[in-house]
C-alpha atoms as a PDB file:
ATOM      1  CA  MET A   1     -61.625  59.386 -26.515  1.00  0.00           C
ATOM      2  CA  ALA A   2     -58.500  61.190 -26.306  1.00  0.00           C
ATOM      3  CA  THR A   3     -55.621  58.180 -26.628  1.00  0.00           C
ATOM      4  CA  ALA A   4     -53.459  58.011 -23.233  1.00  0.00           C
ATOM      5  CA  THR A   5     -50.771  59.984 -24.428  1.00  0.00           C
ATOM      6  CA  ALA A   6     -52.672  63.713 -25.932  1.00  0.00           C
ATOM      7  CA  GLN A   7     -51.766  66.589 -23.703  1.00  0.00           C
ATOM      8  CA  VAL A   8     -54.445  67.801 -21.574  1.00  0.00           C
ATOM      9  CA  THR A   9     -55.353  71.047 -22.270  1.00  0.00           C
ATOM     10  CA  LYS A  10     -58.625  71.593 -21.208  1.00  0.00           C
ATOM     11  CA  TRP A  11     -60.301  69.472 -18.275  1.00  0.00           C
ATOM     12  CA  ILE A  12     -63.984  69.699 -15.774  1.00  0.00           C
ATOM     13  CA  HIS A  13     -63.757  69.001 -12.263  1.00  0.00           C
ATOM     14  CA  ILE A  14     -66.547  67.519 -10.703  1.00  0.00           C
ATOM     15  CA  SER A  15     -67.830  69.416  -7.596  1.00  0.00           C
ATOM     16  CA  ASP A  16     -67.795  66.667  -4.401  1.00  0.00           C
ATOM     17  CA  THR A  17     -68.814  68.747  -1.196  1.00  0.00           C
ATOM     18  CA  GLY A  18     -68.585  65.371   0.479  1.00  0.00           C
ATOM     19  CA  GLY A  19     -65.959  63.909   2.758  1.00  0.00           C
ATOM     20  CA  ASP A  20     -65.809  62.760   6.137  1.00  0.00           C
ATOM     21  CA  PRO A  21     -65.552  65.138   8.912  1.00  0.00           C
ATOM     22  CA  TRP A  22     -63.306  63.123  11.444  1.00  0.00           C
ATOM     23  CA  VAL A  23     -60.419  65.332  10.647  1.00  0.00           C
ATOM     24  CA  LEU A  24     -61.927  69.145  10.995  1.00  0.00           C
ATOM     25  CA  PRO A  25     -62.247  68.893  14.874  1.00  0.00           C
ATOM     26  CA  ILE A  26     -58.315  67.805  15.037  1.00  0.00           C
ATOM     27  CA  TRP A  27     -56.932  70.472  12.575  1.00  0.00           C
ATOM     28  CA  THR A  28     -59.321  73.326  14.673  1.00  0.00           C
ATOM     29  CA  SER A  29     -57.110  71.963  17.891  1.00  0.00           C
ATOM     30  CA  VAL A  30     -53.836  72.164  15.404  1.00  0.00           C
ATOM     31  CA  HIS A  31     -54.939  75.362  14.074  1.00  0.00           C
ATOM     32  CA  GLN A  32     -55.373  77.199  17.626  1.00  0.00           C
ATOM     33  CA  ALA A  33     -52.001  75.686  18.824  1.00  0.00           C
ATOM     34  CA  ILE A  34     -50.855  77.311  15.707  1.00  0.00           C
ATOM     35  CA  GLU A  35     -51.836  80.677  16.767  1.00  0.00           C
ATOM     36  CA  ARG A  36     -50.906  80.368  20.391  1.00  0.00           C
ATOM     37  CA  LYS A  37     -47.287  79.785  18.907  1.00  0.00           C
ATOM     38  CA  ALA A  38     -47.235  76.570  20.763  1.00  0.00           C
ATOM     39  CA  VAL A  39     -46.313  74.830  17.154  1.00  0.00           C
ATOM     40  CA  GLY A  40     -44.915  75.573  14.012  1.00  0.00           C
ATOM     41  CA  PRO A  41     -47.089  75.679  10.882  1.00  0.00           C
ATOM     42  CA  ILE A  42     -48.381  72.135   9.204  1.00  0.00           C
ATOM     43  CA  PRO A  43     -46.245  69.953   7.036  1.00  0.00           C
ATOM     44  CA  GLN A  44     -47.573  70.187   3.631  1.00  0.00           C
ATOM     45  CA  GLU A  45     -46.948  66.203   3.556  1.00  0.00           C
ATOM     46  CA  LEU A  46     -49.292  66.368   6.825  1.00  0.00           C
ATOM     47  CA  SER A  47     -52.134  68.615   5.239  1.00  0.00           C
ATOM     48  CA  GLU A  48     -52.679  66.650   2.034  1.00  0.00           C
ATOM     49  CA  LEU A  49     -53.040  63.535   4.171  1.00  0.00           C
ATOM     50  CA  GLY A  50     -56.313  64.835   5.666  1.00  0.00           C
ATOM     51  CA  PRO A  51     -58.213  65.495   2.468  1.00  0.00           C
ATOM     52  CA  TYR A  52     -57.145  61.634   1.726  1.00  0.00           C
ATOM     53  CA  LEU A  53     -58.054  60.041   4.834  1.00  0.00           C
ATOM     54  CA  SER A  54     -61.655  62.368   4.682  1.00  0.00           C
ATOM     55  CA  THR A  55     -62.284  60.933   1.055  1.00  0.00           C
ATOM     56  CA  ARG A  56     -61.285  57.351   2.417  1.00  0.00           C
ATOM     57  CA  LEU A  57     -63.558  57.667   5.351  1.00  0.00           C
ATOM     58  CA  ASP A  58     -66.364  58.651   3.496  1.00  0.00           C
ATOM     59  CA  PHE A  59     -65.871  55.314   1.238  1.00  0.00           C
ATOM     60  CA  LEU A  60     -67.041  53.066   3.802  1.00  0.00           C
ATOM     61  CA  PRO A  61     -70.660  53.687   4.740  1.00  0.00           C
ATOM     62  CA  GLU A  62     -71.134  52.846   1.369  1.00  0.00           C
ATOM     63  CA  ILE A  63     -69.210  49.866   0.953  1.00  0.00           C
ATOM     64  CA  VAL A  64     -71.321  48.916   4.379  1.00  0.00           C
ATOM     65  CA  ARG A  65     -74.574  49.328   3.008  1.00  0.00           C
ATOM     66  CA  ARG A  66     -74.016  47.761  -0.123  1.00  0.00           C
ATOM     67  CA  VAL A  67     -72.367  44.829   1.507  1.00  0.00           C
ATOM     68  CA  GLY A  68     -75.575  44.636   3.705  1.00  0.00           C
ATOM     69  CA  ASP A  69     -78.078  44.550   1.149  1.00  0.00           C
ATOM     70  CA  GLU A  70     -76.057  42.365  -0.758  1.00  0.00           C
ATOM     71  CA  ALA A  71     -75.869  39.943   1.803  1.00  0.00           C
ATOM     72  CA  GLY A  72     -79.243  40.138   2.486  1.00  0.00           C
ATOM     73  CA  ALA A  73     -80.626  40.120  -0.907  1.00  0.00           C
ATOM     74  CA  LEU A  74     -78.645  36.534  -1.229  1.00  0.00           C
ATOM     75  CA  LEU A  75     -80.025  35.298   2.232  1.00  0.00           C
ATOM     76  CA  LYS A  76     -83.295  35.589   1.504  1.00  0.00           C
ATOM     77  CA  VAL A  77     -83.299  33.965  -2.028  1.00  0.00           C
ATOM     78  CA  VAL A  78     -81.038  30.744   0.502  1.00  0.00           C
ATOM     79  CA  ALA A  79     -83.946  30.587   2.929  1.00  0.00           C
ATOM     80  CA  GLY A  80     -86.495  28.887   0.987  1.00  0.00           C
ATOM     81  CA  CYS A  81     -84.348  26.208  -0.794  1.00  0.00           C
ATOM     82  CA  PRO A  82     -85.187  22.704  -0.341  1.00  0.00           C
ATOM     83  CA  ASP A  83     -83.223  20.330   1.839  1.00  0.00           C
ATOM     84  CA  LYS A  84     -81.187  18.951  -1.514  1.00  0.00           C
ATOM     85  CA  HIS A  85     -79.229  21.787  -1.424  1.00  0.00           C
ATOM     86  CA  VAL A  86     -77.852  21.575   2.317  1.00  0.00           C
ATOM     87  CA  PHE A  87     -74.806  19.853   2.519  1.00  0.00           C
ATOM     88  CA  SER A  88     -73.761  18.320   5.863  1.00  0.00           C
ATOM     89  CA  GLU A  89     -70.761  15.597   6.896  1.00  0.00           C
ATOM     90  CA  ALA A  90     -73.384  12.932   5.922  1.00  0.00           C
ATOM     91  CA  GLN A  91     -75.113  14.563   2.871  1.00  0.00           C
ATOM     92  CA  THR A  92     -73.733  15.815  -0.440  1.00  0.00           C
ATOM     93  CA  ALA A  93     -76.194  17.617  -1.626  1.00  0.00           C
ATOM     94  CA  TYR A  94     -76.499  20.400  -4.774  1.00  0.00           C
ATOM     95  CA  ALA A  95     -75.277  23.647  -5.356  1.00  0.00           C
ATOM     96  CA  LEU A  96     -78.100  25.919  -5.455  1.00  0.00           C
ATOM     97  CA  PRO A  97     -78.383  28.280  -8.502  1.00  0.00           C
ATOM     98  CA  VAL A  98     -78.485  31.638  -7.792  1.00  0.00           C
ATOM     99  CA  ASP A  99     -77.968  34.808 -10.006  1.00  0.00           C
ATOM    100  CA  ARG A 100     -74.310  35.244 -10.736  1.00  0.00           C
ATOM    101  CA  ARG A 101     -74.346  39.047 -10.726  1.00  0.00           C
ATOM    102  CA  LEU A 102     -75.727  39.012  -7.069  1.00  0.00           C
ATOM    103  CA  VAL A 103     -72.957  36.735  -6.243  1.00  0.00           C
ATOM    104  CA  SER A 104     -70.441  38.674  -8.288  1.00  0.00           C
ATOM    105  CA  THR A 105     -71.278  42.100  -6.869  1.00  0.00           C
ATOM    106  CA  LEU A 106     -71.483  41.001  -3.214  1.00  0.00           C
ATOM    107  CA  LEU A 107     -67.833  39.323  -3.730  1.00  0.00           C
ATOM    108  CA  ILE A 108     -66.864  42.601  -4.993  1.00  0.00           C
ATOM    109  CA  ASP A 109     -67.879  44.641  -2.191  1.00  0.00           C
ATOM    110  CA  ILE A 110     -66.687  42.128   0.580  1.00  0.00           C
ATOM    111  CA  ASP A 111     -62.949  42.738  -0.607  1.00  0.00           C
ATOM    112  CA  SER A 112     -63.981  46.442  -1.232  1.00  0.00           C
ATOM    113  CA  LEU A 113     -64.973  46.498   2.208  1.00  0.00           C
ATOM    114  CA  LEU A 114     -61.514  44.445   3.532  1.00  0.00           C
ATOM    115  CA  PHE A 115     -59.424  47.098   1.324  1.00  0.00           C
ATOM    116  CA  GLU A 116     -61.080  49.801   1.932  1.00  0.00           C
ATOM    117  CA  PHE A 117     -61.447  49.860   6.040  1.00  0.00           C
ATOM    118  CA  TYR A 118     -57.265  48.637   6.210  1.00  0.00           C
ATOM    119  CA  SER A 119     -57.064  51.614   4.042  1.00  0.00           C
ATOM    120  CA  ALA A 120     -58.378  53.547   6.049  1.00  0.00           C
ATOM    121  CA  CYS A 121     -56.481  52.386   9.387  1.00  0.00           C
ATOM    122  CA  GLU A 122     -53.387  52.394   6.764  1.00  0.00           C
ATOM    123  CA  LEU A 123     -53.896  56.664   6.655  1.00  0.00           C
ATOM    124  CA  MET A 124     -55.200  56.977   9.933  1.00  0.00           C
ATOM    125  CA  THR A 125     -51.809  55.574  11.263  1.00  0.00           C
ATOM    126  CA  ALA A 126     -49.851  57.809   9.280  1.00  0.00           C
ATOM    127  CA  PHE A 127     -52.051  60.854  10.205  1.00  0.00           C
ATOM    128  CA  PHE A 128     -51.505  59.749  13.731  1.00  0.00           C
ATOM    129  CA  GLU A 129     -47.529  59.697  13.846  1.00  0.00           C
ATOM    130  CA  LYS A 130     -46.906  63.087  11.396  1.00  0.00           C
ATOM    131  CA  LEU A 131     -49.175  64.821  13.884  1.00  0.00           C
ATOM    132  CA  HIS A 132     -47.166  63.871  17.139  1.00  0.00           C
ATOM    133  CA  GLY A 133     -43.880  64.552  14.806  1.00  0.00           C
ATOM    134  CA  HIS A 134     -45.455  68.404  14.210  1.00  0.00           C
ATOM    135  CA  SER A 135     -46.918  68.250  18.107  1.00  0.00           C
ATOM    136  CA  GLY A 136     -43.778  66.762  19.103  1.00  0.00           C
ATOM    137  CA  LYS A 137     -45.225  65.068  21.491  1.00  0.00           C
ATOM    138  CA  GLN A 138     -44.220  61.070  22.335  1.00  0.00           C
ATOM    139  CA  MET A 139     -45.641  58.535  20.418  1.00  0.00           C
ATOM    140  CA  PRO A 140     -47.915  56.338  23.177  1.00  0.00           C
ATOM    141  CA  GLU A 141     -45.630  53.097  21.970  1.00  0.00           C
ATOM    142  CA  LYS A 142     -41.796  53.114  20.436  1.00  0.00           C
ATOM    143  CA  ASN A 143     -43.055  50.941  17.716  1.00  0.00           C
ATOM    144  CA  ALA A 144     -45.324  53.286  15.560  1.00  0.00           C
ATOM    145  CA  GLY A 145     -47.306  50.568  13.975  1.00  0.00           C
ATOM    146  CA  LEU A 146     -48.959  49.690  17.454  1.00  0.00           C
ATOM    147  CA  SER A 147     -49.873  53.249  18.463  1.00  0.00           C
ATOM    148  CA  ILE A 148     -53.107  53.174  17.606  1.00  0.00           C
ATOM    149  CA  GLN A 149     -53.812  49.789  19.114  1.00  0.00           C
ATOM    150  CA  THR A 150     -51.564  50.633  22.455  1.00  0.00           C
ATOM    151  CA  LEU A 151     -54.014  53.843  22.613  1.00  0.00           C
ATOM    152  CA  LEU A 152     -57.080  51.811  22.059  1.00  0.00           C
ATOM    153  CA  THR A 153     -56.362  48.775  24.351  1.00  0.00           C
ATOM    154  CA  LYS A 154     -55.403  51.467  27.196  1.00  0.00           C
ATOM    155  CA  ALA A 155     -58.988  52.660  26.504  1.00  0.00           C
ATOM    156  CA  GLY A 156     -60.472  49.670  27.499  1.00  0.00           C
ATOM    157  CA  ARG A 157     -61.518  48.862  23.580  1.00  0.00           C
ATOM    158  CA  ASP A 158     -61.060  45.893  22.264  1.00  0.00           C
ATOM    159  CA  THR A 159     -58.612  45.493  19.309  1.00  0.00           C
ATOM    160  CA  SER A 160     -59.136  41.952  17.668  1.00  0.00           C
ATOM    161  CA  TRP A 161     -61.034  43.252  14.786  1.00  0.00           C
ATOM    162  CA  PHE A 162     -57.821  44.748  13.430  1.00  0.00           C
ATOM    163  CA  VAL A 163     -56.111  41.244  13.805  1.00  0.00           C
ATOM    164  CA  LEU A 164     -59.419  40.246  12.108  1.00  0.00           C
ATOM    165  CA  LEU A 165     -58.931  42.583   9.297  1.00  0.00           C
ATOM    166  CA  SER A 166     -55.285  42.412   8.512  1.00  0.00           C
ATOM    167  CA  GLU A 167     -55.166  38.655   8.394  1.00  0.00           C
ATOM    168  CA  HIS A 168     -58.224  38.608   6.014  1.00  0.00           C
ATOM    169  CA  ARG A 169     -57.138  41.327   3.893  1.00  0.00           C
ATOM    170  CA  HIS A 170     -54.155  40.154   3.132  1.00  0.00           C
ATOM    171  CA  PHE A 171     -55.185  36.514   2.075  1.00  0.00           C
ATOM    172  CA  PHE A 172     -57.872  37.813   0.105  1.00  0.00           C
ATOM    173  CA  ILE A 173     -55.584  40.774  -1.381  1.00  0.00           C
ATOM    174  CA  HIS A 174     -52.633  39.446  -1.804  1.00  0.00           C
ATOM    175  CA  GLU A 175     -53.134  35.189  -2.048  1.00  0.00           C
ATOM    176  CA  GLY A 176     -56.298  34.495  -3.016  1.00  0.00           C
ATOM    177  CA  ALA A 177     -60.150  35.411  -3.947  1.00  0.00           C
ATOM    178  CA  PRO A 178     -62.908  34.964  -1.548  1.00  0.00           C
ATOM    179  CA  TYR A 179     -65.994  32.173  -2.351  1.00  0.00           C
ATOM    180  CA  ILE A 180     -69.309  32.068  -0.848  1.00  0.00           C
ATOM    181  CA  ALA A 181     -71.193  29.266   1.306  1.00  0.00           C
ATOM    182  CA  VAL A 182     -74.121  29.971   4.040  1.00  0.00           C
ATOM    183  CA  ASP A 183     -73.763  28.538   7.355  1.00  0.00           C
ATOM    184  CA  ALA A 184     -77.195  26.320   7.458  1.00  0.00           C
ATOM    185  CA  SER A 185     -76.468  25.106  10.868  1.00  0.00           C
ATOM    186  CA  ALA A 186     -79.731  26.498  12.394  1.00  0.00           C
ATOM    187  CA  ARG A 187     -81.851  26.410   9.656  1.00  0.00           C
ATOM    188  CA  PRO A 188     -84.214  27.191   9.246  1.00  0.00           C
ATOM    189  CA  ASP A 189     -84.080  30.035  12.031  1.00  0.00           C
ATOM    190  CA  SER A 190     -80.953  31.742  11.045  1.00  0.00           C
ATOM    191  CA  TYR A 191     -78.067  31.732   8.273  1.00  0.00           C
ATOM    192  CA  ASP A 192     -74.985  33.819   8.358  1.00  0.00           C
ATOM    193  CA  LEU A 193     -72.529  34.184   5.275  1.00  0.00           C
ATOM    194  CA  LEU A 194     -69.087  32.335   4.855  1.00  0.00           C
ATOM    195  CA  ILE A 195     -66.433  33.920   2.748  1.00  0.00           C
ATOM    196  CA  MET A 196     -64.437  31.102   2.187  1.00  0.00           C
ATOM    197  CA  LYS A 197     -60.732  31.082   1.457  1.00  0.00           C
ATOM    198  CA  GLN A 198     -61.556  27.946  -1.079  1.00  0.00           C
ATOM    199  CA  ASN A 199     -64.063  25.977  -1.927  1.00  0.00           C
ATOM    200  CA  LEU A 200     -64.147  24.325   1.508  1.00  0.00           C
ATOM    201  CA  GLN A 201     -65.755  20.685   2.335  1.00  0.00           C
ATOM    202  CA  ARG A 202     -65.730  20.499   6.191  1.00  0.00           C
ATOM    203  CA  PHE A 203     -65.718  23.571   8.202  1.00  0.00           C
ATOM    204  CA  ASP A 204     -63.916  22.583  11.097  1.00  0.00           C
ATOM    205  CA  ASP A 205     -61.126  25.124  10.711  1.00  0.00           C
ATOM    206  CA  PRO A 206     -62.542  28.946  11.531  1.00  0.00           C
ATOM    207  CA  ASN A 207     -59.294  30.610   9.792  1.00  0.00           C
ATOM    208  CA  SER A 208     -60.047  29.094   6.200  1.00  0.00           C
ATOM    209  CA  PHE A 209     -63.321  31.161   6.099  1.00  0.00           C
ATOM    210  CA  LEU A 210     -64.943  34.742   7.565  1.00  0.00           C
ATOM    211  CA  ARG A 211     -68.516  35.260   8.270  1.00  0.00           C
ATOM    212  CA  LEU A 212     -70.587  37.995   8.059  1.00  0.00           C
ATOM    213  CA  SER A 213     -70.530  38.474  11.539  1.00  0.00           C
ATOM    214  CA  GLN A 214     -67.145  39.331  12.055  1.00  0.00           C
ATOM    215  CA  LEU A 215     -67.016  41.399   9.130  1.00  0.00           C
ATOM    216  CA  GLN A 216     -69.814  43.216  11.155  1.00  0.00           C
ATOM    217  CA  ALA A 217     -67.325  43.145  14.139  1.00  0.00           C
ATOM    218  CA  ILE A 218     -64.758  44.756  12.317  1.00  0.00           C
ATOM    219  CA  VAL A 219     -66.789  47.701  10.962  1.00  0.00           C
ATOM    220  CA  SER A 220     -68.197  48.008  14.953  1.00  0.00           C
ATOM    221  CA  GLY A 221     -64.496  48.195  15.649  1.00  0.00           C
ATOM    222  CA  PHE A 222     -63.252  50.433  13.628  1.00  0.00           C
ATOM    223  CA  LEU A 223     -66.631  52.975  14.315  1.00  0.00           C
ATOM    224  CA  GLY A 224     -65.897  52.487  17.745  1.00  0.00           C
ATOM    225  CA  SER A 225     -62.227  53.428  17.927  1.00  0.00           C
ATOM    226  CA  ARG A 226     -62.951  56.652  15.823  1.00  0.00           C
ATOM    227  CA  GLY A 227     -63.663  58.533  18.742  1.00  0.00           C
ATOM    228  CA  ILE A 228     -61.272  57.607  21.233  1.00  0.00           C
ATOM    229  CA  ILE A 229     -58.483  58.203  18.024  1.00  0.00           C
ATOM    230  CA  GLN A 230     -59.841  61.562  17.857  1.00  0.00           C
ATOM    231  CA  GLN A 231     -60.219  63.059  21.634  1.00  0.00           C
ATOM    232  CA  TYR A 232     -56.542  61.681  21.863  1.00  0.00           C
ATOM    233  CA  LEU A 233     -55.077  63.390  19.170  1.00  0.00           C
ATOM    234  CA  ARG A 234     -57.155  67.246  19.836  1.00  0.00           C
ATOM    235  CA  ALA A 235     -55.421  66.458  23.559  1.00  0.00           C
ATOM    236  CA  ILE A 236     -51.963  66.634  21.727  1.00  0.00           C
ATOM    237  CA  TYR A 237     -51.985  69.755  20.607  1.00  0.00           C
ATOM    238  CA  ASN A 238     -53.931  71.641  24.079  1.00  0.00           C
END
């Protein structure tokens, strides 16, 4: 293996024909506006954002699949555990031994899901703002950070998923690390994964943990916003 300071004189690019196609219809509208001479050429910074965003968006389905598979595997293990492993305010139980690799990969992928979805939101916001600058159209809100949320709210979409994503992503990336427990309140009929901000002994503060169902709400909220944002960005060039 070459050292980090060795000069690169030959290299091999790895073929990647993937990429999420979300930006392609938007580029079509941009190029049509350029042909009509309604706007100028695409600035380099804006041009580079398209592939960056497509790559980030392409990560998301794989991250969601992995979290779903790993959470399902963990809940399958938990489903058959005896009552001696079920904690309550009235009972101190024994922690359930689970394969460490399953727990670690699940925690890593939950961390990754929060990071990647937030990163995609940040790139989408930058793309949104630069397209407005290029098109010469006014942003829907003076505060650029709220512009996409304002657009979605006006379209009747619930944006609470973004607040959830932002708050928990900030904690797990910058302040702490995730721990795992399972909500067995409805045992044996159903279970929910609990991603804790610390090793909790009580669950009376909903801000101290994140449910698997809330992660699913973040994913659904993001996916539900894509078409609205895409249509809006195409429209500002028509």
